[in-house]
Every structure is written in C-alpha cells, then in structure tokens.
C-alpha cells in the first residue's frame, strides 16, 4: 500500500534496533499503533516495518540505494532505546540520520507547521528507556533541538524498561498507560499528516490562482507602482518606531525569570556550596538566552529558606516565571529536580528529574536550560546553544574548588572569607590554568567586585 501523498513510498517508517524486538515489544507496538490509526484516520495509512532481522542488507549491498525508496515517507518513528543512540549502528547511520537529511531537502521539509500554529518535526521519537546524558546529547545534536518524545517507559525502583500493554498505571512511577500512549502517537501522526495534506493542497491552489492572473493594463502600472511605494514607505516608518517597542515589551514582560536557591538534599551540610553553585550555573545559562530577562543572584538569593509563596516572590521580583529545585549529591551520584513556576498564575508549568553523575554535571545543566527555553517557546540560536554547551573546565576537581570559592565570596562575612575564596580560586586555576579566562568571561558580575580575585586571574 503506497503513501496517501503521491511520490512517497510509505506514510510511516518504523526504525529500531533488532535487539529491542527480541521480546516482541516493537512488533506489538506496531500492531497496536495500526489498530489505533485505523480508528483515528479516515483513510488507510501505510507503515514500513522490517520484522525479519535475518533479511537485512549485506555489506556487499548498496545501502543508500536500497533504503532510499523505503525512507521516502511522511513520518519517521525511531524507537529510542538504551542501544539506539549508537552512531555506528545500522539504524542510526542508514535510517535515522539518513531520513533527517532527506526530510530537510524534500518538498515539505523536516519541520512543518500544524493547524494550531505550532511547529513539529516529521521525526516522531518513541522512547522506551530513560537515556544516558551522552545519548540524549547525541540525539539532540542530530535533531538540532530539545528531544520531544512520546514515552513508553515503566519506572520503578531500579527499573528502566519498556511499558507493556498489561502494566497498571498505579504501579508505574511515570503513571503512563499503554493505550493512552498509543493514542498519543496516533493523534500526533494524524496532526502531521493532516498538515502535510493541507500544505500540499494549498500549493496546488496557489499554482492555479497564479495561472488565472491576467496582466494589468499598461496604463495602470505607473499608478500602482507609486501607490505601492508609498504604502511600503509608510510601513517602514511605522515599523521603525513601533516594532522595537513591541518586541522589547514582549520579551521583557513575558520572559522575565528568577532562579531561586536550590534546596540541599544531601545529608552533608557542607555540600551547600555545591547546591548554590548549581543554582548559579543554571542562572548563568539562562542569561545567555537573549529573549530572557533573568534577575541577578543578588536579587534571588535572599529567598533561601523563605516561607513566602511563589506568587509573592514573583510579585516582589517582578517576574513572570520562577525556577526552583533541589540538589542531592552523594559521592559521585547526583539527584537533581527542577520546576518551572508561573508566578502570576501560581502554578507549576513543568518539572523534571535529572539523575546522573558528577562527570555528566555540565550536560545536566545544559539540558535543564534547553528544556526551560523550550517550555517558554524561546527559539535558541546556534550561537546561544554554543554558549550554553561551552564547558568552563574539563577538570572536576578544579570546578569543585571554584564552587567553594564562590560560596565564600558570596558569604562575604569579612576579609577572612575573601582570603579563603582567593585560596580556593588559586587551587582551581592551578589545576586548570585555562579555567581563569573562562571564569573572567562567564562571571564578571561576581569577580569584578573583588580586586583580589581579578589579580589572581590576570597574573596567570
């Protein structure tokens, strides 16, 4: 059965690692999805799904040519597992990245606008495992943005496996329900296909309309040119005076943010410096997004251990959004929880947990900033992404000393704290001399207030 759009081989291409179908999960998923699609769309939808792991392409075959026809589809659904994000694997090289490239170059493009006005990708990820930070980063680098997936994950203590049709909602910490997730996939497919069909029809209508247009009489051309020129000039003048003001007001009012001090979940009270440092770095990353107005640390840190409501804090800081969270650190293990609060409505907009290890710390911080930007519909530029992903140092011990130095500098209870801060910064820079320039560039608001800190940076 061919695609509902002429020129395409299939409507949907299912991509997966064959090891993930040893239990038959992918086969059952495809069967359930086809049943749901039959009840969701008015016309049949074609699905390509290679069920035979022994009938694949050999090394002697031309992989690009063999898959070129099959990949020419409207929607690509990768089953994202713990093993899918392998740049050397067949599914990644010849299916995922190949479709991503093809879709960007075809008549519709990879990203399309839905009827609601939102933009979505023709790559519709289905995630069956929680991913390592490196794997998620690999995916997002290929996709060029934050990973948005429909999750089929069963979570319990020490459990990370695909959600099954007979799993009970109450027993799953994610509280996801298999039939509901299947329905979400089918509805997403319907939205994408409907938008593609509408786009295709509109293109046809435009072409017909262009063909019907008759040239204007020559005598009217001069009048129309003069009238058009005057209108363009008026619009330019209006735009010059009013558009910057509208843009500025929209950005400054709608995307004003304060990052409140994170709660310390560690049993060790000496880890407070790490907790404060994590909050500082989230704040610093958000400040790199031009469309955000982020309150400085000096404004938000006064609310550590406060009992004031988020509505009151938002009003006092004059912001629309608050970022709150908690940090737990036990040895090399991290447990991060972050929430985005709409302070005007006094309600939680988004929350997520970010478990990981110290060697993934910067990846976690980058991921949090990107997800907050995505939730607030801020389109990150390549330059902003590069700034957010830039690592201040590759040396974890140097970074630890740097956070301790921040803690004593901000505590500011006297010259003794300043001397302690300077000693800790010297240790950090001693372990990584390149860290000095990064400190000065990234955190001038902190270090310019203390000439001793500037001296140890400049003498490196």
Protein backbone atom coordinates (compact mmCIF):
# COMPACT_ATOMS: atom_id res chain seq x y z
CA UNK A 1 0.00 0.00 0.00
CA UNK A 2 1.50 3.33 -1.09
CA UNK A 3 1.51 6.63 0.77
CA UNK A 4 -1.56 8.89 0.78
CA UNK A 5 0.69 11.59 -0.75
CA UNK A 6 1.84 10.82 -4.33
CA UNK A 7 5.60 10.43 -4.66
CA UNK A 8 6.12 8.83 -1.24
CA UNK A 9 6.53 5.09 -0.68
CA UNK A 10 5.08 4.89 2.83
CA UNK A 11 3.32 7.14 5.33
CA UNK A 12 5.31 5.87 8.34
CA UNK A 13 8.75 4.26 8.66
CA UNK A 14 9.45 2.43 11.95
CA UNK A 15 13.16 2.38 12.87
CA UNK A 16 14.55 0.27 15.72
CA UNK A 17 17.46 -1.92 16.87
CA UNK A 18 16.57 -5.57 16.32
CA UNK A 19 17.77 -6.45 19.82
CA UNK A 20 14.91 -4.33 21.18
CA UNK A 21 12.40 -6.64 19.49
CA UNK A 22 13.65 -9.94 20.91
CA UNK A 23 10.69 -9.92 23.30
CA UNK A 24 8.35 -8.79 20.52
CA UNK A 25 7.80 -5.32 22.01
CA UNK A 26 8.24 -3.42 18.74
CA UNK A 27 6.02 -5.88 16.83
CA UNK A 28 3.25 -5.45 19.42
CA UNK A 29 3.69 -1.67 19.35
CA UNK A 30 3.33 -1.55 15.56
CA UNK A 31 0.24 -3.78 15.65
CA UNK A 32 -1.38 -1.64 18.37
CA UNK A 33 -0.50 1.57 16.50
CA UNK A 34 -2.01 0.28 13.25
CA UNK A 35 -5.26 -0.56 15.04
CA UNK A 36 -5.35 2.90 16.64
CA UNK A 37 -4.55 4.61 13.33
CA UNK A 38 -7.46 2.75 11.69
CA UNK A 39 -9.76 4.26 14.32
CA UNK A 40 -8.17 7.72 14.14
CA UNK A 41 -7.77 8.50 10.43
CA UNK A 42 -10.44 8.19 7.76
CA UNK A 43 -8.15 6.64 5.18
CA UNK A 44 -5.65 3.74 5.43
CA UNK A 45 -2.09 4.59 6.47
CA UNK A 46 0.87 2.57 5.16
CA UNK A 47 3.61 1.52 7.61
CA UNK A 48 7.05 0.12 6.76
CA UNK A 49 8.27 -2.21 9.49
CA UNK A 50 11.10 -4.71 8.90
CA UNK A 51 10.23 -7.65 11.15
CA UNK A 52 12.91 -10.07 9.94
CA UNK A 53 16.36 -9.41 11.46
CA UNK A 54 17.92 -12.03 9.14
CA UNK A 55 16.63 -10.37 5.99
CA UNK A 56 18.70 -7.22 6.28
CA UNK A 57 21.17 -5.72 3.85
CA UNK A 58 24.60 -7.27 3.42
CA UNK A 59 27.90 -5.40 3.35
CA UNK A 60 28.05 -6.00 -0.40
CA UNK A 61 24.73 -4.23 -0.98
CA UNK A 62 24.37 -0.55 -1.75
CA UNK A 63 22.66 0.50 1.48
CA UNK A 64 21.86 4.05 0.37
CA UNK A 65 20.09 2.93 -2.81
CA UNK A 66 18.27 0.02 -1.14
CA UNK A 67 16.85 2.21 1.62
CA UNK A 68 16.29 5.34 -0.44
CA UNK A 69 12.84 4.25 -1.58
CA UNK A 70 11.69 2.89 1.78
CA UNK A 71 12.84 6.00 3.64
CA UNK A 72 10.82 8.26 1.35
CA UNK A 73 7.96 8.52 3.82
CA UNK A 74 5.97 11.23 5.56
CA UNK A 75 6.75 10.34 9.17
CA UNK A 76 9.77 8.62 10.70
CA UNK A 77 9.27 6.92 14.09
CA UNK A 78 12.52 5.86 15.80
CA UNK A 79 12.13 3.51 18.79
CA UNK A 80 14.67 5.17 21.11
CA UNK A 81 16.19 2.64 23.49
CA UNK A 82 19.35 2.32 25.56
CA UNK A 83 21.14 0.93 22.48
CA UNK A 84 19.59 3.01 19.67
CA UNK A 85 21.90 6.02 20.14
CA UNK A 86 24.94 4.34 18.63
CA UNK A 87 26.46 6.32 15.76
CA UNK A 88 27.99 3.10 14.37
CA UNK A 89 24.74 1.15 14.26
CA UNK A 90 22.76 0.44 11.09
CA UNK A 91 19.57 2.07 12.39
CA UNK A 92 21.40 5.27 13.33
CA UNK A 93 23.59 5.64 10.23
CA UNK A 94 21.32 4.43 7.45
CA UNK A 95 17.86 5.19 8.82
CA UNK A 96 17.77 7.96 11.45
CA UNK A 97 20.42 10.37 10.13
CA UNK A 98 19.60 9.46 6.51
CA UNK A 99 15.91 10.36 6.94
CA UNK A 100 16.80 13.54 8.83
CA UNK A 101 18.88 14.68 5.86
CA UNK A 102 16.32 13.60 3.24
CA UNK A 103 13.40 15.25 5.01
CA UNK A 104 15.20 18.59 5.24
CA UNK A 105 15.64 18.56 1.47
CA UNK A 106 12.21 17.36 0.27
CA UNK A 107 9.19 19.49 -0.70
CA UNK A 108 7.71 19.72 2.81
CA UNK A 109 10.88 20.00 4.88
CA UNK A 110 11.56 18.14 8.10
CA UNK A 111 9.70 20.63 10.33
CA UNK A 112 6.13 21.55 9.46
CA UNK A 113 3.54 23.94 10.87
CA UNK A 114 0.44 22.36 12.42
CA UNK A 115 -3.08 23.74 12.23
CA UNK A 116 -2.64 25.13 15.76
CA UNK A 117 0.28 27.26 14.59
CA UNK A 118 2.88 25.19 16.44
CA UNK A 119 5.82 23.69 14.55
CA UNK A 120 6.62 19.98 14.82
CA UNK A 121 9.09 17.56 13.31
CA UNK A 122 8.30 14.71 10.93
CA UNK A 123 10.63 12.68 13.17
CA UNK A 124 8.35 11.41 15.96
CA UNK A 125 10.52 9.71 18.62
CA UNK A 126 9.04 6.93 20.76
CA UNK A 127 11.23 6.42 23.84
CA UNK A 128 11.26 3.08 25.65
CA UNK A 129 14.11 3.69 28.12
CA UNK A 130 15.48 6.59 30.13
CA UNK A 131 18.68 7.61 28.33
CA UNK A 132 22.21 8.37 29.45
CA UNK A 133 23.08 12.07 29.20
CA UNK A 134 25.57 11.41 26.38
CA UNK A 135 22.95 9.57 24.33
CA UNK A 136 20.41 12.34 24.80
CA UNK A 137 23.00 14.90 23.75
CA UNK A 138 23.83 12.85 20.62
CA UNK A 139 20.14 12.79 19.69
CA UNK A 140 19.62 16.50 20.30
CA UNK A 141 22.70 17.43 18.29
CA UNK A 142 21.33 15.46 15.33
CA UNK A 143 17.82 16.87 15.74
CA UNK A 144 19.09 20.41 16.36
CA UNK A 145 16.93 20.96 19.44
CA UNK A 146 15.45 19.53 22.64
CA UNK A 147 14.29 15.90 22.38
CA UNK A 148 10.49 15.73 22.50
CA UNK A 149 9.29 12.14 22.62
CA UNK A 150 6.22 10.06 23.47
CA UNK A 151 7.46 7.85 26.28
CA UNK A 152 6.68 4.16 26.76
CA UNK A 153 8.77 3.71 29.92
CA UNK A 154 7.93 1.70 33.02
CA UNK A 155 9.67 3.15 36.07
CA UNK A 156 10.03 1.64 39.49
CA UNK A 157 12.87 1.45 41.99
CA UNK A 158 15.86 0.20 39.98
CA UNK A 159 13.67 -0.47 36.92
CA UNK A 160 14.08 1.07 33.46
CA UNK A 161 12.18 -0.98 30.85
CA UNK A 162 9.61 -0.56 28.06
CA UNK A 163 5.99 -0.04 29.10
CA UNK A 164 3.81 -3.09 28.33
CA UNK A 165 0.14 -3.28 27.42
CA UNK A 166 -0.74 -5.12 30.67
CA UNK A 167 1.12 -2.71 33.02
CA UNK A 168 -1.07 -0.98 35.57
CA UNK A 169 -0.93 2.81 35.74
CA UNK A 170 -0.78 2.95 39.54
CA UNK A 171 2.28 0.68 39.73
CA UNK A 172 4.26 2.79 37.27
CA UNK A 173 6.07 5.77 38.79
CA UNK A 174 5.62 7.56 35.45
CA UNK A 175 1.84 6.94 35.72
CA UNK A 176 1.74 6.38 31.96
CA UNK A 177 -0.82 3.99 30.50
CA UNK A 178 -0.06 1.96 27.37
CA UNK A 179 -3.35 2.58 25.49
CA UNK A 180 -3.10 6.32 26.20
CA UNK A 181 0.45 6.48 24.84
CA UNK A 182 -0.58 4.59 21.69
CA UNK A 183 -3.41 7.07 21.26
CA UNK A 184 -0.97 9.98 21.63
CA UNK A 185 1.20 8.57 18.84
CA UNK A 186 -1.83 8.08 16.57
CA UNK A 187 -3.07 11.62 17.25
CA UNK A 188 0.38 13.05 16.55
CA UNK A 189 0.51 11.12 13.26
CA UNK A 190 -2.94 12.46 12.35
CA UNK A 191 -1.90 16.07 13.05
CA UNK A 192 1.26 15.75 10.96
CA UNK A 193 -0.44 14.02 8.01
CA UNK A 194 -3.36 16.49 8.06
CA UNK A 195 -0.94 19.43 7.99
CA UNK A 196 1.11 17.87 5.17
CA UNK A 197 -2.04 17.22 3.10
CA UNK A 198 -3.27 20.77 3.71
CA UNK A 199 0.12 22.16 2.71
CA UNK A 200 0.09 20.03 -0.45
CA UNK A 201 -3.42 21.19 -1.39
CA UNK A 202 -2.63 24.83 -0.70
CA UNK A 203 0.37 24.62 -3.00
CA UNK A 204 -1.94 23.36 -5.77
CA UNK A 205 -4.45 26.15 -5.17
CA UNK A 206 -1.75 28.79 -5.29
CA UNK A 207 -0.46 27.47 -8.59
CA UNK A 208 -3.95 27.53 -10.11
CA UNK A 209 -4.54 31.05 -8.87
CA UNK A 210 -1.27 32.23 -10.34
CA UNK A 211 -2.20 30.75 -13.71
CA UNK A 212 -5.54 32.65 -13.72
CA UNK A 213 -3.95 36.04 -13.05
CA UNK A 214 -4.11 38.36 -16.06
CA UNK A 215 -1.61 41.13 -16.65
CA UNK A 216 -2.84 44.61 -15.72
CA UNK A 217 -3.30 47.16 -18.49
CA UNK A 218 -0.14 49.13 -19.10
CA UNK A 219 -1.76 52.45 -18.23
CA UNK A 220 -2.44 51.33 -14.63
CA UNK A 221 1.08 50.09 -13.93
CA UNK A 222 2.54 53.51 -13.10
CA UNK A 223 -0.24 54.39 -10.64
CA UNK A 224 0.09 51.02 -8.88
CA UNK A 225 3.86 51.34 -8.57
CA UNK A 226 3.56 54.81 -7.00
CA UNK A 227 0.79 53.69 -4.62
CA UNK A 228 2.72 50.58 -3.62
CA UNK A 229 5.89 52.57 -2.97
CA UNK A 230 4.02 54.98 -0.68
CA UNK A 231 2.49 52.08 1.29
CA UNK A 232 5.89 50.41 1.71
CA UNK A 233 7.40 53.68 2.94
CA UNK A 234 4.59 54.17 5.47
CA UNK A 235 5.03 50.61 6.77
CA UNK A 236 8.79 51.06 7.13
CA UNK A 237 8.29 54.26 9.16
CA UNK A 238 5.67 52.64 11.39
CA UNK A 239 7.85 49.59 11.87
CA UNK A 240 10.86 51.71 12.79
CA UNK A 241 9.02 53.48 15.59
CA UNK A 242 6.68 50.79 16.93
CA UNK A 243 8.05 47.28 16.30
CA UNK A 244 11.16 47.63 18.54
CA UNK A 245 8.94 48.81 21.39
CA UNK A 246 6.50 45.93 20.96
CA UNK A 247 9.34 43.42 20.74
CA UNK A 248 11.07 44.82 23.77
CA UNK A 249 7.92 44.84 25.87
CA UNK A 250 7.03 41.29 24.85
CA UNK A 251 10.45 39.92 25.69
CA UNK A 252 10.93 41.84 28.94
CA UNK A 253 7.44 41.17 30.32
CA UNK A 254 6.64 37.67 29.11
CA UNK A 255 10.02 36.04 29.72
CA UNK A 256 11.24 37.55 32.97
CA UNK A 257 12.77 34.84 35.15
CA UNK A 258 14.29 34.44 38.59
CA UNK A 259 16.22 31.35 39.68
CA UNK A 260 15.66 30.74 43.39
CA UNK A 261 18.20 28.99 45.64
CA UNK A 262 18.03 25.20 45.25
CA UNK A 263 17.29 23.05 48.31
CA UNK A 264 20.17 20.90 49.57
CA UNK A 265 19.01 17.28 49.76
CA UNK A 266 22.39 15.94 50.89
CA UNK A 267 22.83 14.84 54.47
CA UNK A 268 26.14 16.72 54.44
CA UNK A 269 25.55 20.42 55.15
CA UNK A 270 28.99 21.24 53.72
CA UNK A 271 27.54 20.45 50.28
CA UNK A 272 25.62 23.74 50.42
CA UNK A 273 28.35 25.31 48.27
CA UNK A 274 27.66 22.76 45.53
CA UNK A 275 23.92 23.37 45.76
CA UNK A 276 24.40 27.15 45.45
CA UNK A 277 26.87 26.66 42.62
CA UNK A 278 24.40 24.55 40.67
CA UNK A 279 21.79 27.30 41.02
CA UNK A 280 24.33 29.89 39.84
CA UNK A 281 25.18 27.90 36.72
CA UNK A 282 21.52 27.41 35.78
CA UNK A 283 21.02 31.16 36.17
CA UNK A 284 24.17 31.84 34.13
CA UNK A 285 23.00 29.56 31.29
CA UNK A 286 19.57 31.21 31.14
CA UNK A 287 21.23 34.63 30.93
CA UNK A 288 22.77 33.52 27.62
CA UNK A 289 19.30 33.40 26.01
CA UNK A 290 18.67 36.86 24.54
CA UNK A 291 14.89 36.64 24.80
CA UNK A 292 15.10 36.07 28.59
CA UNK A 293 15.39 38.77 31.25
CA UNK A 294 16.94 36.99 34.23
CA UNK A 295 17.16 38.54 37.68
CA UNK A 296 20.70 38.52 39.17
CA UNK A 297 21.74 36.26 42.00
CA UNK A 298 21.83 39.19 44.43
CA UNK A 299 18.07 39.60 43.97
CA UNK A 300 17.00 35.96 44.19
CA UNK A 301 19.38 34.58 46.85
CA UNK A 302 17.55 36.46 49.63
CA UNK A 303 14.78 33.86 49.32
CA UNK A 304 16.87 30.93 50.57
CA UNK A 305 14.85 29.14 53.26
CA UNK A 306 11.98 31.60 52.81
CA UNK A 307 8.40 30.59 53.58
CA UNK A 308 6.91 33.11 51.15
CA UNK A 309 4.70 31.76 48.37
CA UNK A 310 5.89 31.74 44.77
CA UNK A 311 3.17 34.26 43.92
CA UNK A 312 4.53 36.73 46.48
CA UNK A 313 8.15 36.15 45.43
CA UNK A 314 7.25 36.63 41.76
CA UNK A 315 5.48 39.88 42.58
CA UNK A 316 8.38 41.17 44.70
CA UNK A 317 10.94 40.32 41.99
CA UNK A 318 8.56 41.49 39.23
CA UNK A 319 8.97 38.29 37.18
CA UNK A 320 6.52 36.00 35.42
CA UNK A 321 8.46 32.79 35.96
CA UNK A 322 10.43 31.19 38.79
CA UNK A 323 12.88 28.30 38.53
CA UNK A 324 13.04 26.27 41.74
CA UNK A 325 14.60 22.93 42.52
CA UNK A 326 16.69 20.69 44.72
CA UNK A 327 20.13 19.13 44.50
CA UNK A 328 21.27 15.91 46.12
CA UNK A 329 24.88 14.76 45.95
CA UNK A 330 26.23 11.56 47.45
CA UNK A 331 29.80 10.98 46.33
CA UNK A 332 29.76 10.85 42.53
CA UNK A 333 25.96 10.46 42.25
CA UNK A 334 23.61 13.37 41.62
CA UNK A 335 19.87 13.72 42.01
CA UNK A 336 18.54 16.95 40.53
CA UNK A 337 14.92 18.08 40.50
CA UNK A 338 13.81 21.27 38.73
CA UNK A 339 10.43 23.00 38.37
CA UNK A 340 9.30 25.99 36.31
CA UNK A 341 6.60 28.05 38.07
CA UNK A 342 4.20 30.54 36.51
CA UNK A 343 4.31 33.06 39.38
CA UNK A 344 1.35 35.10 38.09
CA UNK A 345 -0.96 32.06 37.99
CA UNK A 346 0.85 30.49 40.99
CA UNK A 347 1.04 27.09 39.29
CA UNK A 348 3.70 24.65 38.12
CA UNK A 349 4.24 24.67 34.35
CA UNK A 350 6.91 21.99 34.03
CA UNK A 351 9.03 19.73 36.20
CA UNK A 352 11.62 17.04 35.63
CA UNK A 353 14.13 14.91 37.50
CA UNK A 354 17.71 14.69 36.26
CA UNK A 355 19.62 11.81 37.88
CA UNK A 356 23.24 11.48 36.83
CA UNK A 357 26.87 11.51 37.87
CA UNK A 358 29.40 14.28 38.50
CA UNK A 359 31.10 13.67 35.15
CA UNK A 360 27.74 14.48 33.48
CA UNK A 361 27.22 17.68 35.51
CA UNK A 362 27.63 20.17 32.66
CA UNK A 363 25.43 18.08 30.36
CA UNK A 364 22.68 18.13 33.01
CA UNK A 365 22.94 21.91 33.41
CA UNK A 366 22.81 22.40 29.62
CA UNK A 367 19.80 20.09 29.33
CA UNK A 368 17.89 21.97 32.04
CA UNK A 369 18.47 25.35 30.36
CA UNK A 370 17.35 23.97 26.97
CA UNK A 371 14.20 22.41 28.39
CA UNK A 372 13.22 25.64 30.17
CA UNK A 373 13.80 27.57 26.92
CA UNK A 374 11.68 25.03 25.04
CA UNK A 375 8.87 25.23 27.60
CA UNK A 376 8.80 29.03 27.27
CA UNK A 377 8.91 28.72 23.44
CA UNK A 378 12.23 30.51 23.14
CA UNK A 379 13.93 29.55 19.88
CA UNK A 380 17.63 29.18 20.66
CA UNK A 381 20.07 30.42 18.04
CA UNK A 382 23.15 28.32 17.17
CA UNK A 383 25.26 30.94 18.96
CA UNK A 384 23.18 30.67 22.15
CA UNK A 385 23.33 26.85 22.06
CA UNK A 386 27.11 27.04 21.65
CA UNK A 387 27.40 29.36 24.65
CA UNK A 388 25.18 27.14 26.81
CA UNK A 389 27.09 23.98 25.88
CA UNK A 390 30.52 25.50 26.47
CA UNK A 391 32.31 23.76 29.35
CA UNK A 392 34.20 26.05 31.75
CA UNK A 393 36.71 23.28 32.53
CA UNK A 394 37.36 19.59 31.92
CA UNK A 395 38.73 19.14 35.44
CA UNK A 396 36.02 18.21 38.02
CA UNK A 397 38.32 18.91 40.97
CA UNK A 398 39.07 22.41 39.67
CA UNK A 399 35.35 23.03 39.29
CA UNK A 400 34.76 21.85 42.88
CA UNK A 401 37.30 24.39 44.20
CA UNK A 402 35.69 27.07 42.04
CA UNK A 403 32.26 26.42 43.60
CA UNK A 404 33.72 26.52 47.10
CA UNK A 405 35.39 29.83 46.25
CA UNK A 406 32.05 31.20 45.07
CA UNK A 407 30.44 30.17 48.34
CA UNK A 408 32.95 32.06 50.50
CA UNK A 409 32.99 35.08 48.21
CA UNK A 410 29.22 35.43 48.28
CA UNK A 411 29.05 34.80 52.03
CA UNK A 412 31.20 37.92 52.38
CA UNK A 413 31.37 37.94 56.17
CA UNK A 414 34.79 39.61 56.21
CA UNK A 415 38.35 39.63 54.90
CA UNK A 416 38.86 36.08 56.15
CA UNK A 417 36.19 34.78 53.77
CA UNK A 418 37.73 36.79 50.92
CA UNK A 419 41.16 35.25 51.60
CA UNK A 420 39.61 31.76 51.69
CA UNK A 421 37.84 32.43 48.38
CA UNK A 422 41.11 33.61 46.78
CA UNK A 423 42.96 30.50 48.01
CA UNK A 424 40.26 28.23 46.55
CA UNK A 425 40.29 30.04 43.19
CA UNK A 426 44.07 29.72 43.10
CA UNK A 427 43.73 25.97 43.62
CA UNK A 428 41.15 25.77 40.80
CA UNK A 429 43.34 27.73 38.40
CA UNK A 430 46.41 25.75 39.48
CA UNK A 431 44.67 22.53 38.38
CA UNK A 432 43.43 24.11 35.12
CA UNK A 433 45.17 27.38 34.10
CA UNK A 434 42.70 27.79 31.21
CA UNK A 435 39.91 27.97 33.75
CA UNK A 436 40.96 31.55 34.67
CA UNK A 437 39.86 33.16 31.42
CA UNK A 438 36.62 31.19 31.46
CA UNK A 439 35.86 32.45 34.97
CA UNK A 440 36.51 36.06 34.00
CA UNK A 441 34.45 35.86 30.78
CA UNK A 442 31.48 33.99 32.22
CA UNK A 443 31.08 35.52 35.68
CA UNK A 444 32.19 39.14 35.59
CA UNK A 445 29.28 40.10 37.86
CA UNK A 446 30.91 38.06 40.64
CA UNK A 447 34.59 38.70 40.23
CA UNK A 448 34.73 42.38 39.41
CA UNK A 449 33.58 43.16 42.93
CA UNK A 450 36.79 41.76 44.40
CA UNK A 451 40.17 43.07 43.21
CA UNK A 452 41.96 40.12 44.82
CA UNK A 453 40.12 37.69 42.57
CA UNK A 454 40.92 39.76 39.50
CA UNK A 455 44.61 39.81 40.44
CA UNK A 456 44.94 36.03 40.62
CA UNK A 457 43.13 35.70 37.27
CA UNK A 458 45.21 38.30 35.46
CA UNK A 459 48.55 37.02 36.64
CA UNK A 460 48.02 33.55 35.10
